[in-house]
Amino acid sequence: MPILPLALAFLLLWPLVGCAGRRSLEVVDFVDLERYTGKWYEIARYPAWFERDCVASTADYTLRDDCKVEVVNRCLVCTFEGRERSIRGIARVVDPETNARLKVAFFWPFEGDYYVIMLDDEYRWAVVGEPRRRYLWILSRTPQLEASTYEAILARLPALGYDPSRLQCTPQPAGVGG
């Protein structure tokens, strides 16, 4: 058998290796995008290179006329007195039945998955992840989340394939937001 066709087949099939064992990530039944828009405070996250040295992290979501969501992520560098760092992006819904699966692009043409995997009925807090489970965020409408709510979220994470011990709390200044 010629080597070239075998090598080509290997290269084409390589990205599929490991996919069969990967569990899909369940999302919430429905996200009302109008209710979801606004400011969210990051309570905790899986460590990520793009949030290195970030404190007081927030995300602002604005629903656009074309049904896409404008995203502005902000944080302060190292301390509450640090300089502000921000990035803008656009999110598009990829599952209009639930509005819970989105793709976010901060640097076109690269997109990342944004899955709403837990959401409070009153939209007071949300948990966002992605199918490979490399990233996870716990968000709240206020800078602090009640300890009982946080613990209840942590207790549900293993069933979704997330390790709660990897979470790091995001420092938020007292007396802001609300």
N, C-alpha and C. Protein backbone atom coordinates (compact mmCIF):
# COMPACT_ATOMS: atom_id res chain seq x y z
N MET A 1 0.85 -1.18 0.00
CA MET A 1 0.00 0.00 0.00
C MET A 1 0.89 1.24 0.00
N PRO A 2 0.62 2.18 -0.88
CA PRO A 2 1.43 3.39 -0.92
C PRO A 2 1.32 4.17 0.39
N ILE A 3 2.41 4.78 0.77
CA ILE A 3 2.49 5.52 2.03
C ILE A 3 1.66 6.81 1.98
N LEU A 4 1.66 7.53 0.87
CA LEU A 4 0.98 8.82 0.79
C LEU A 4 -0.51 8.72 1.12
N PRO A 5 -1.28 7.80 0.52
CA PRO A 5 -2.70 7.72 0.90
C PRO A 5 -2.91 7.36 2.37
N LEU A 6 -2.06 6.51 2.90
CA LEU A 6 -2.17 6.14 4.30
C LEU A 6 -1.89 7.34 5.21
N ALA A 7 -0.85 8.08 4.88
CA ALA A 7 -0.51 9.27 5.66
C ALA A 7 -1.61 10.31 5.57
N LEU A 8 -2.17 10.50 4.37
CA LEU A 8 -3.25 11.46 4.18
C LEU A 8 -4.48 11.05 5.00
N ALA A 9 -4.82 9.77 4.97
CA ALA A 9 -5.96 9.29 5.76
C ALA A 9 -5.72 9.52 7.25
N PHE A 10 -4.50 9.26 7.71
CA PHE A 10 -4.16 9.49 9.11
C PHE A 10 -4.35 10.96 9.48
N LEU A 11 -3.84 11.86 8.63
CA LEU A 11 -3.95 13.29 8.91
C LEU A 11 -5.40 13.75 8.93
N LEU A 12 -6.21 13.21 8.04
CA LEU A 12 -7.62 13.61 7.99
C LEU A 12 -8.41 13.08 9.18
N LEU A 13 -8.05 11.91 9.67
CA LEU A 13 -8.80 11.31 10.77
C LEU A 13 -8.27 11.69 12.15
N TRP A 14 -7.06 12.20 12.23
CA TRP A 14 -6.44 12.53 13.52
C TRP A 14 -7.30 13.45 14.38
N PRO A 15 -7.91 14.52 13.82
CA PRO A 15 -8.73 15.38 14.68
C PRO A 15 -9.90 14.67 15.34
N LEU A 16 -10.32 13.54 14.80
CA LEU A 16 -11.45 12.82 15.37
C LEU A 16 -11.07 11.92 16.53
N VAL A 17 -9.78 11.68 16.71
CA VAL A 17 -9.32 10.82 17.79
C VAL A 17 -9.71 11.46 19.12
N GLY A 18 -10.33 10.70 19.97
CA GLY A 18 -10.73 11.22 21.28
C GLY A 18 -12.12 11.82 21.29
N CYS A 19 -12.69 12.11 20.13
CA CYS A 19 -14.02 12.71 20.11
C CYS A 19 -15.09 11.74 20.58
N ALA A 20 -14.92 10.48 20.28
CA ALA A 20 -15.95 9.51 20.64
C ALA A 20 -16.14 9.43 22.15
N GLY A 21 -15.07 9.61 22.91
CA GLY A 21 -15.17 9.53 24.35
C GLY A 21 -15.60 10.83 25.02
N ARG A 22 -15.63 11.91 24.29
CA ARG A 22 -15.97 13.20 24.87
C ARG A 22 -17.48 13.31 25.02
N ARG A 23 -17.92 13.62 26.23
CA ARG A 23 -19.34 13.81 26.47
C ARG A 23 -19.76 15.18 25.95
N SER A 24 -20.98 15.24 25.44
CA SER A 24 -21.50 16.54 25.05
C SER A 24 -21.79 17.32 26.34
N LEU A 25 -21.92 18.60 26.21
CA LEU A 25 -22.17 19.45 27.37
C LEU A 25 -23.61 19.94 27.33
N GLU A 26 -24.36 19.56 28.34
CA GLU A 26 -25.76 19.98 28.44
C GLU A 26 -25.83 21.48 28.73
N VAL A 27 -26.83 22.12 28.16
CA VAL A 27 -27.05 23.54 28.40
C VAL A 27 -28.43 23.71 29.03
N VAL A 28 -28.72 24.92 29.47
CA VAL A 28 -30.03 25.21 30.04
C VAL A 28 -31.10 25.12 28.95
N ASP A 29 -32.34 24.99 29.36
CA ASP A 29 -33.44 24.83 28.40
C ASP A 29 -33.61 26.04 27.49
N PHE A 30 -33.46 27.24 28.05
CA PHE A 30 -33.67 28.44 27.24
C PHE A 30 -33.03 29.65 27.92
N VAL A 31 -32.44 30.52 27.12
CA VAL A 31 -31.89 31.79 27.59
C VAL A 31 -32.64 32.92 26.89
N ASP A 32 -33.30 33.77 27.66
CA ASP A 32 -33.92 34.98 27.13
C ASP A 32 -32.80 36.00 26.98
N LEU A 33 -32.36 36.23 25.77
CA LEU A 33 -31.19 37.09 25.55
C LEU A 33 -31.39 38.51 26.06
N GLU A 34 -32.62 39.01 26.00
CA GLU A 34 -32.87 40.36 26.53
C GLU A 34 -32.64 40.40 28.03
N ARG A 35 -33.06 39.37 28.74
CA ARG A 35 -32.84 39.32 30.19
C ARG A 35 -31.38 39.05 30.52
N TYR A 36 -30.69 38.33 29.64
CA TYR A 36 -29.29 37.97 29.88
C TYR A 36 -28.35 39.15 29.67
N THR A 37 -28.75 40.10 28.85
CA THR A 37 -27.87 41.24 28.58
C THR A 37 -27.68 42.07 29.84
N GLY A 38 -26.66 42.91 29.80
CA GLY A 38 -26.32 43.75 30.94
C GLY A 38 -24.97 43.35 31.51
N LYS A 39 -24.71 43.83 32.70
CA LYS A 39 -23.41 43.60 33.35
C LYS A 39 -23.44 42.34 34.21
N TRP A 40 -22.37 41.55 34.08
CA TRP A 40 -22.15 40.38 34.92
C TRP A 40 -20.78 40.50 35.57
N TYR A 41 -20.70 40.14 36.83
CA TYR A 41 -19.43 40.10 37.56
C TYR A 41 -18.91 38.67 37.57
N GLU A 42 -17.63 38.52 37.32
CA GLU A 42 -17.03 37.19 37.36
C GLU A 42 -16.74 36.84 38.82
N ILE A 43 -17.35 35.77 39.29
CA ILE A 43 -17.17 35.32 40.67
C ILE A 43 -16.00 34.35 40.76
N ALA A 44 -15.92 33.45 39.79
CA ALA A 44 -14.83 32.45 39.76
C ALA A 44 -14.64 31.99 38.32
N ARG A 45 -13.46 31.41 38.07
CA ARG A 45 -13.14 30.94 36.72
C ARG A 45 -12.08 29.86 36.78
N TYR A 46 -12.01 29.08 35.72
CA TYR A 46 -10.85 28.24 35.50
C TYR A 46 -9.73 29.17 35.04
N PRO A 47 -8.51 28.96 35.50
CA PRO A 47 -7.41 29.83 35.05
C PRO A 47 -7.27 29.78 33.53
N ALA A 48 -7.04 30.95 32.95
CA ALA A 48 -6.87 31.07 31.50
C ALA A 48 -5.82 32.14 31.22
N TRP A 49 -4.99 31.89 30.24
CA TRP A 49 -3.89 32.82 29.91
C TRP A 49 -4.41 34.22 29.61
N PHE A 50 -5.58 34.33 29.01
CA PHE A 50 -6.10 35.65 28.62
C PHE A 50 -6.68 36.42 29.80
N GLU A 51 -6.76 35.80 30.97
CA GLU A 51 -7.21 36.50 32.17
C GLU A 51 -6.13 36.56 33.24
N ARG A 52 -4.90 36.30 32.84
CA ARG A 52 -3.79 36.35 33.79
C ARG A 52 -3.72 37.75 34.41
N ASP A 53 -3.54 37.80 35.71
CA ASP A 53 -3.41 39.04 36.48
C ASP A 53 -4.71 39.85 36.56
N CYS A 54 -5.84 39.28 36.18
CA CYS A 54 -7.11 40.02 36.21
C CYS A 54 -7.79 39.93 37.57
N VAL A 55 -8.24 41.08 38.05
CA VAL A 55 -9.14 41.17 39.20
C VAL A 55 -10.31 42.05 38.77
N ALA A 56 -11.39 42.02 39.53
CA ALA A 56 -12.56 42.84 39.25
C ALA A 56 -13.05 42.64 37.81
N SER A 57 -13.07 41.40 37.37
CA SER A 57 -13.48 41.10 35.99
C SER A 57 -14.99 41.21 35.83
N THR A 58 -15.40 41.82 34.71
CA THR A 58 -16.82 41.94 34.38
C THR A 58 -17.01 41.64 32.90
N ALA A 59 -18.25 41.33 32.56
CA ALA A 59 -18.65 41.16 31.17
C ALA A 59 -19.93 41.95 30.96
N ASP A 60 -19.95 42.75 29.91
CA ASP A 60 -21.15 43.51 29.54
C ASP A 60 -21.65 42.97 28.21
N TYR A 61 -22.93 42.60 28.19
CA TYR A 61 -23.55 42.05 26.99
C TYR A 61 -24.66 42.99 26.52
N THR A 62 -24.65 43.30 25.21
CA THR A 62 -25.66 44.16 24.61
C THR A 62 -26.24 43.46 23.39
N LEU A 63 -27.55 43.30 23.35
CA LEU A 63 -28.22 42.67 22.22
C LEU A 63 -28.31 43.68 21.08
N ARG A 64 -27.81 43.29 19.92
CA ARG A 64 -27.82 44.16 18.76
C ARG A 64 -29.07 43.92 17.91
N ASP A 65 -29.34 44.85 16.98
CA ASP A 65 -30.50 44.73 16.10
C ASP A 65 -30.44 43.48 15.22
N ASP A 66 -29.23 42.99 14.92
CA ASP A 66 -29.09 41.80 14.08
C ASP A 66 -29.13 40.50 14.90
N CYS A 67 -29.57 40.61 16.15
CA CYS A 67 -29.71 39.47 17.08
C CYS A 67 -28.38 38.88 17.53
N LYS A 68 -27.29 39.55 17.22
CA LYS A 68 -26.00 39.14 17.78
C LYS A 68 -25.81 39.90 19.09
N VAL A 69 -24.86 39.44 19.89
CA VAL A 69 -24.61 40.05 21.19
C VAL A 69 -23.23 40.67 21.19
N GLU A 70 -23.18 41.97 21.51
CA GLU A 70 -21.88 42.63 21.67
C GLU A 70 -21.37 42.29 23.06
N VAL A 71 -20.10 41.93 23.12
CA VAL A 71 -19.47 41.50 24.37
C VAL A 71 -18.33 42.46 24.68
N VAL A 72 -18.30 42.98 25.91
CA VAL A 72 -17.16 43.77 26.36
C VAL A 72 -16.70 43.18 27.69
N ASN A 73 -15.53 42.56 27.67
CA ASN A 73 -14.94 42.01 28.89
C ASN A 73 -13.92 42.99 29.42
N ARG A 74 -13.99 43.25 30.74
CA ARG A 74 -13.06 44.19 31.37
C ARG A 74 -12.49 43.57 32.64
N CYS A 75 -11.29 44.02 32.98
CA CYS A 75 -10.72 43.67 34.28
C CYS A 75 -9.72 44.74 34.66
N LEU A 76 -9.31 44.71 35.90
CA LEU A 76 -8.21 45.55 36.37
C LEU A 76 -7.00 44.65 36.51
N VAL A 77 -5.84 45.19 36.20
CA VAL A 77 -4.61 44.39 36.21
C VAL A 77 -4.01 44.38 37.61
N CYS A 78 -3.92 43.22 38.20
CA CYS A 78 -3.25 42.91 39.47
C CYS A 78 -3.95 43.43 40.72
N THR A 79 -4.37 44.69 40.74
CA THR A 79 -4.99 45.26 41.94
C THR A 79 -6.22 46.07 41.54
N PHE A 80 -7.02 46.43 42.55
CA PHE A 80 -8.20 47.26 42.28
C PHE A 80 -7.82 48.66 41.80
N GLU A 81 -6.57 49.03 42.00
CA GLU A 81 -6.09 50.33 41.51
C GLU A 81 -5.33 50.17 40.19
N GLY A 82 -5.27 48.96 39.68
CA GLY A 82 -4.52 48.70 38.45
C GLY A 82 -5.20 49.29 37.22
N ARG A 83 -4.46 49.29 36.11
CA ARG A 83 -5.03 49.82 34.87
C ARG A 83 -6.11 48.87 34.36
N GLU A 84 -7.06 49.44 33.63
CA GLU A 84 -8.13 48.63 33.05
C GLU A 84 -7.67 47.99 31.75
N ARG A 85 -8.03 46.73 31.59
CA ARG A 85 -7.79 46.01 30.35
C ARG A 85 -9.15 45.56 29.84
N SER A 86 -9.41 45.74 28.55
CA SER A 86 -10.71 45.33 28.01
C SER A 86 -10.55 44.77 26.60
N ILE A 87 -11.56 44.02 26.21
CA ILE A 87 -11.60 43.46 24.87
C ILE A 87 -13.06 43.39 24.43
N ARG A 88 -13.29 43.66 23.16
CA ARG A 88 -14.64 43.62 22.59
C ARG A 88 -14.76 42.43 21.65
N GLY A 89 -15.96 41.87 21.63
CA GLY A 89 -16.23 40.76 20.73
C GLY A 89 -17.69 40.73 20.34
N ILE A 90 -18.01 39.79 19.48
CA ILE A 90 -19.38 39.59 19.02
C ILE A 90 -19.73 38.12 19.21
N ALA A 91 -20.90 37.88 19.79
CA ALA A 91 -21.39 36.52 19.97
C ALA A 91 -22.60 36.30 19.06
N ARG A 92 -22.66 35.09 18.52
CA ARG A 92 -23.82 34.73 17.70
C ARG A 92 -24.40 33.43 18.23
N VAL A 93 -25.71 33.36 18.22
CA VAL A 93 -26.41 32.16 18.69
C VAL A 93 -26.25 31.07 17.64
N VAL A 94 -25.86 29.88 18.07
CA VAL A 94 -25.75 28.75 17.14
C VAL A 94 -26.85 27.71 17.39
N ASP A 95 -27.61 27.90 18.45
CA ASP A 95 -28.73 27.00 18.77
C ASP A 95 -29.94 27.87 19.10
N PRO A 96 -30.68 28.32 18.07
CA PRO A 96 -31.80 29.24 18.32
C PRO A 96 -32.95 28.62 19.10
N GLU A 97 -32.97 27.30 19.22
CA GLU A 97 -34.02 26.66 20.01
C GLU A 97 -33.86 26.97 21.49
N THR A 98 -32.60 27.09 21.95
CA THR A 98 -32.34 27.35 23.37
C THR A 98 -31.68 28.71 23.62
N ASN A 99 -31.01 29.26 22.63
CA ASN A 99 -30.17 30.47 22.79
C ASN A 99 -29.05 30.25 23.81
N ALA A 100 -28.79 29.01 24.18
CA ALA A 100 -27.81 28.72 25.23
C ALA A 100 -26.44 28.33 24.68
N ARG A 101 -26.36 28.11 23.38
CA ARG A 101 -25.08 27.80 22.74
C ARG A 101 -24.74 28.94 21.79
N LEU A 102 -23.61 29.58 22.08
CA LEU A 102 -23.18 30.70 21.25
C LEU A 102 -21.73 30.50 20.83
N LYS A 103 -21.34 31.24 19.82
CA LYS A 103 -19.94 31.33 19.40
C LYS A 103 -19.55 32.79 19.58
N VAL A 104 -18.40 33.01 20.22
CA VAL A 104 -17.91 34.36 20.47
C VAL A 104 -16.61 34.56 19.72
N ALA A 105 -16.52 35.69 19.02
CA ALA A 105 -15.29 36.03 18.29
C ALA A 105 -14.74 37.33 18.85
N PHE A 106 -13.51 37.27 19.35
CA PHE A 106 -12.80 38.47 19.76
C PHE A 106 -11.78 38.87 18.70
N PHE A 107 -11.30 37.88 17.99
CA PHE A 107 -10.34 38.09 16.90
C PHE A 107 -10.83 37.30 15.70
N TRP A 108 -11.48 37.97 14.76
CA TRP A 108 -11.99 37.29 13.58
C TRP A 108 -10.84 36.67 12.83
N PRO A 109 -10.95 35.48 12.32
CA PRO A 109 -12.13 34.62 12.20
C PRO A 109 -12.24 33.57 13.31
N PHE A 110 -11.50 33.73 14.39
CA PHE A 110 -11.46 32.72 15.45
C PHE A 110 -12.65 32.88 16.38
N GLU A 111 -13.33 31.77 16.65
CA GLU A 111 -14.49 31.78 17.53
C GLU A 111 -14.31 30.76 18.64
N GLY A 112 -14.89 31.07 19.79
CA GLY A 112 -14.89 30.14 20.90
C GLY A 112 -16.31 29.80 21.30
N ASP A 113 -16.48 28.64 21.89
CA ASP A 113 -17.79 28.22 22.36
C ASP A 113 -18.13 28.92 23.67
N TYR A 114 -19.39 29.30 23.80
CA TYR A 114 -19.92 29.94 25.00
C TYR A 114 -21.25 29.24 25.27
N TYR A 115 -21.25 28.33 26.25
CA TYR A 115 -22.44 27.55 26.57
C TYR A 115 -22.95 27.95 27.96
N VAL A 116 -24.20 28.35 28.03
CA VAL A 116 -24.82 28.64 29.33
C VAL A 116 -25.29 27.31 29.89
N ILE A 117 -24.58 26.83 30.93
CA ILE A 117 -24.86 25.49 31.45
C ILE A 117 -25.66 25.50 32.75
N MET A 118 -25.71 26.65 33.41
CA MET A 118 -26.59 26.84 34.57
C MET A 118 -27.04 28.29 34.53
N LEU A 119 -28.30 28.52 34.94
CA LEU A 119 -28.84 29.88 34.94
C LEU A 119 -29.94 29.98 35.98
N ASP A 120 -29.79 30.94 36.86
CA ASP A 120 -30.80 31.20 37.88
C ASP A 120 -32.11 31.63 37.19
N ASP A 121 -33.24 31.20 37.73
CA ASP A 121 -34.54 31.55 37.16
C ASP A 121 -34.74 33.06 37.05
N GLU A 122 -34.15 33.80 37.97
CA GLU A 122 -34.28 35.26 37.97
C GLU A 122 -33.09 35.95 37.30
N TYR A 123 -32.21 35.17 36.68
CA TYR A 123 -31.04 35.69 35.98
C TYR A 123 -30.10 36.46 36.92
N ARG A 124 -30.01 36.00 38.17
CA ARG A 124 -29.11 36.61 39.14
C ARG A 124 -27.70 36.05 39.03
N TRP A 125 -27.58 34.82 38.54
CA TRP A 125 -26.26 34.21 38.35
C TRP A 125 -26.33 33.24 37.18
N ALA A 126 -25.16 32.95 36.61
CA ALA A 126 -25.07 32.03 35.47
C ALA A 126 -23.74 31.30 35.55
N VAL A 127 -23.69 30.14 34.92
CA VAL A 127 -22.44 29.39 34.79
C VAL A 127 -22.25 29.13 33.29
N VAL A 128 -21.06 29.47 32.81
CA VAL A 128 -20.75 29.37 31.39
C VAL A 128 -19.56 28.43 31.21
N GLY A 129 -19.67 27.54 30.25
CA GLY A 129 -18.58 26.62 29.96
C GLY A 129 -18.45 26.39 28.47
N GLU A 130 -17.70 25.36 28.12
CA GLU A 130 -17.53 24.98 26.71
C GLU A 130 -17.28 23.48 26.66
N PRO A 131 -17.59 22.84 25.51
CA PRO A 131 -17.62 21.38 25.44
C PRO A 131 -16.33 20.67 25.83
N ARG A 132 -15.18 21.28 25.63
CA ARG A 132 -13.93 20.59 25.98
C ARG A 132 -13.59 20.75 27.46
N ARG A 133 -14.37 21.59 28.14
CA ARG A 133 -14.24 21.80 29.58
C ARG A 133 -12.88 22.36 29.99
N ARG A 134 -12.31 23.16 29.12
CA ARG A 134 -11.06 23.86 29.44
C ARG A 134 -11.34 25.18 30.15
N TYR A 135 -12.52 25.73 29.91
CA TYR A 135 -12.88 27.03 30.48
C TYR A 135 -14.19 26.91 31.23
N LEU A 136 -14.31 27.72 32.27
CA LEU A 136 -15.53 27.74 33.08
C LEU A 136 -15.59 29.08 33.80
N TRP A 137 -16.78 29.67 33.83
CA TRP A 137 -16.97 30.93 34.54
C TRP A 137 -18.24 30.86 35.36
N ILE A 138 -18.18 31.37 36.57
CA ILE A 138 -19.37 31.59 37.39
C ILE A 138 -19.57 33.10 37.42
N LEU A 139 -20.75 33.53 36.98
CA LEU A 139 -21.06 34.95 36.86
C LEU A 139 -22.23 35.32 37.76
N SER A 140 -22.24 36.58 38.18
CA SER A 140 -23.32 37.07 39.04
C SER A 140 -23.65 38.51 38.65
N ARG A 141 -24.87 38.90 38.90
CA ARG A 141 -25.27 40.29 38.66
C ARG A 141 -24.68 41.23 39.71
N THR A 142 -24.21 40.67 40.80
CA THR A 142 -23.60 41.46 41.86
C THR A 142 -22.16 40.99 42.08
N PRO A 143 -21.30 41.82 42.67
CA PRO A 143 -19.90 41.45 42.82
C PRO A 143 -19.65 40.26 43.76
N GLN A 144 -20.60 39.95 44.61
CA GLN A 144 -20.47 38.80 45.49
C GLN A 144 -21.68 37.90 45.30
N LEU A 145 -21.47 36.61 45.52
CA LEU A 145 -22.53 35.62 45.42
C LEU A 145 -22.69 34.98 46.79
N GLU A 146 -23.93 34.76 47.20
CA GLU A 146 -24.15 34.11 48.50
C GLU A 146 -23.40 32.79 48.56
N ALA A 147 -22.81 32.51 49.72
CA ALA A 147 -22.02 31.30 49.88
C ALA A 147 -22.84 30.04 49.60
N SER A 148 -24.10 30.02 50.03
CA SER A 148 -24.93 28.83 49.80
C SER A 148 -25.19 28.61 48.31
N THR A 149 -25.36 29.69 47.57
CA THR A 149 -25.56 29.58 46.12
C THR A 149 -24.29 29.07 45.45
N TYR A 150 -23.15 29.63 45.86
CA TYR A 150 -21.87 29.22 45.29
C TYR A 150 -21.62 27.73 45.56
N GLU A 151 -21.87 27.29 46.78
CA GLU A 151 -21.67 25.88 47.13
C GLU A 151 -22.60 24.97 46.34
N ALA A 152 -23.84 25.41 46.12
CA ALA A 152 -24.79 24.61 45.33
C ALA A 152 -24.31 24.48 43.88
N ILE A 153 -23.75 25.55 43.34
CA ILE A 153 -23.19 25.50 41.98
C ILE A 153 -22.04 24.51 41.93
N LEU A 154 -21.12 24.64 42.90
CA LEU A 154 -19.96 23.73 42.93
C LEU A 154 -20.40 22.27 42.99
N ALA A 155 -21.45 21.99 43.75
CA ALA A 155 -21.92 20.61 43.91
C ALA A 155 -22.45 20.03 42.60
N ARG A 156 -22.93 20.88 41.71
CA ARG A 156 -23.49 20.41 40.43
C ARG A 156 -22.44 20.25 39.34
N LEU A 157 -21.27 20.85 39.50
CA LEU A 157 -20.26 20.85 38.44
C LEU A 157 -19.73 19.46 38.06
N PRO A 158 -19.43 18.57 39.01
CA PRO A 158 -18.90 17.25 38.60
C PRO A 158 -19.83 16.48 37.66
N ALA A 159 -21.13 16.60 37.85
CA ALA A 159 -22.08 15.90 36.97
C ALA A 159 -22.00 16.42 35.54
N LEU A 160 -21.48 17.64 35.38
CA LEU A 160 -21.32 18.23 34.05
C LEU A 160 -19.92 18.01 33.49
N GLY A 161 -19.08 17.30 34.26
CA GLY A 161 -17.74 17.01 33.79
C GLY A 161 -16.70 18.05 34.16
N TYR A 162 -17.02 18.91 35.11
CA TYR A 162 -16.08 19.94 35.56
C TYR A 162 -15.54 19.61 36.95
N ASP A 163 -14.29 19.96 37.18
CA ASP A 163 -13.62 19.76 38.46
C ASP A 163 -13.67 21.07 39.25
N PRO A 164 -14.49 21.16 40.29
CA PRO A 164 -14.61 22.41 41.05
C PRO A 164 -13.30 22.86 41.69
N SER A 165 -12.38 21.93 41.96
CA SER A 165 -11.12 22.31 42.61
C SER A 165 -10.24 23.16 41.69
N ARG A 166 -10.51 23.18 40.40
CA ARG A 166 -9.73 24.00 39.47
C ARG A 166 -10.17 25.46 39.47
N LEU A 167 -11.33 25.75 40.05
CA LEU A 167 -11.83 27.13 40.05
C LEU A 167 -10.96 28.03 40.91
N GLN A 168 -10.76 29.24 40.44
CA GLN A 168 -10.12 30.26 41.27
C GLN A 168 -11.10 31.42 41.38
N CYS A 169 -11.25 31.90 42.62
CA CYS A 169 -12.16 33.01 42.85
C CYS A 169 -11.57 34.29 42.28
N THR A 170 -12.44 35.12 41.73
CA THR A 170 -12.02 36.39 41.14
C THR A 170 -12.26 37.49 42.17
N PRO A 171 -11.21 38.15 42.64
CA PRO A 171 -11.41 39.25 43.59
C PRO A 171 -12.27 40.35 42.98
N GLN A 172 -13.26 40.79 43.75
CA GLN A 172 -14.12 41.91 43.35
C GLN A 172 -14.12 42.91 44.50
N PRO A 173 -14.04 44.20 44.18
CA PRO A 173 -14.04 45.19 45.26
C PRO A 173 -15.39 45.24 45.97
N ALA A 174 -15.37 45.45 47.26
CA ALA A 174 -16.61 45.58 48.04
C ALA A 174 -17.24 46.93 47.74
N GLY A 175 -18.55 46.97 47.83
CA GLY A 175 -19.24 48.24 47.69
C GLY A 175 -19.42 48.72 46.26
N VAL A 176 -19.27 47.84 45.28
CA VAL A 176 -19.53 48.24 43.89
C VAL A 176 -20.73 47.47 43.38
N GLY A 177 -21.31 47.96 42.32
CA GLY A 177 -22.42 47.25 41.68
C GLY A 177 -23.64 47.20 42.56
N GLY A 178 -24.39 46.11 42.39
CA GLY A 178 -25.54 45.94 43.24
C GLY A 178 -26.81 45.87 42.53
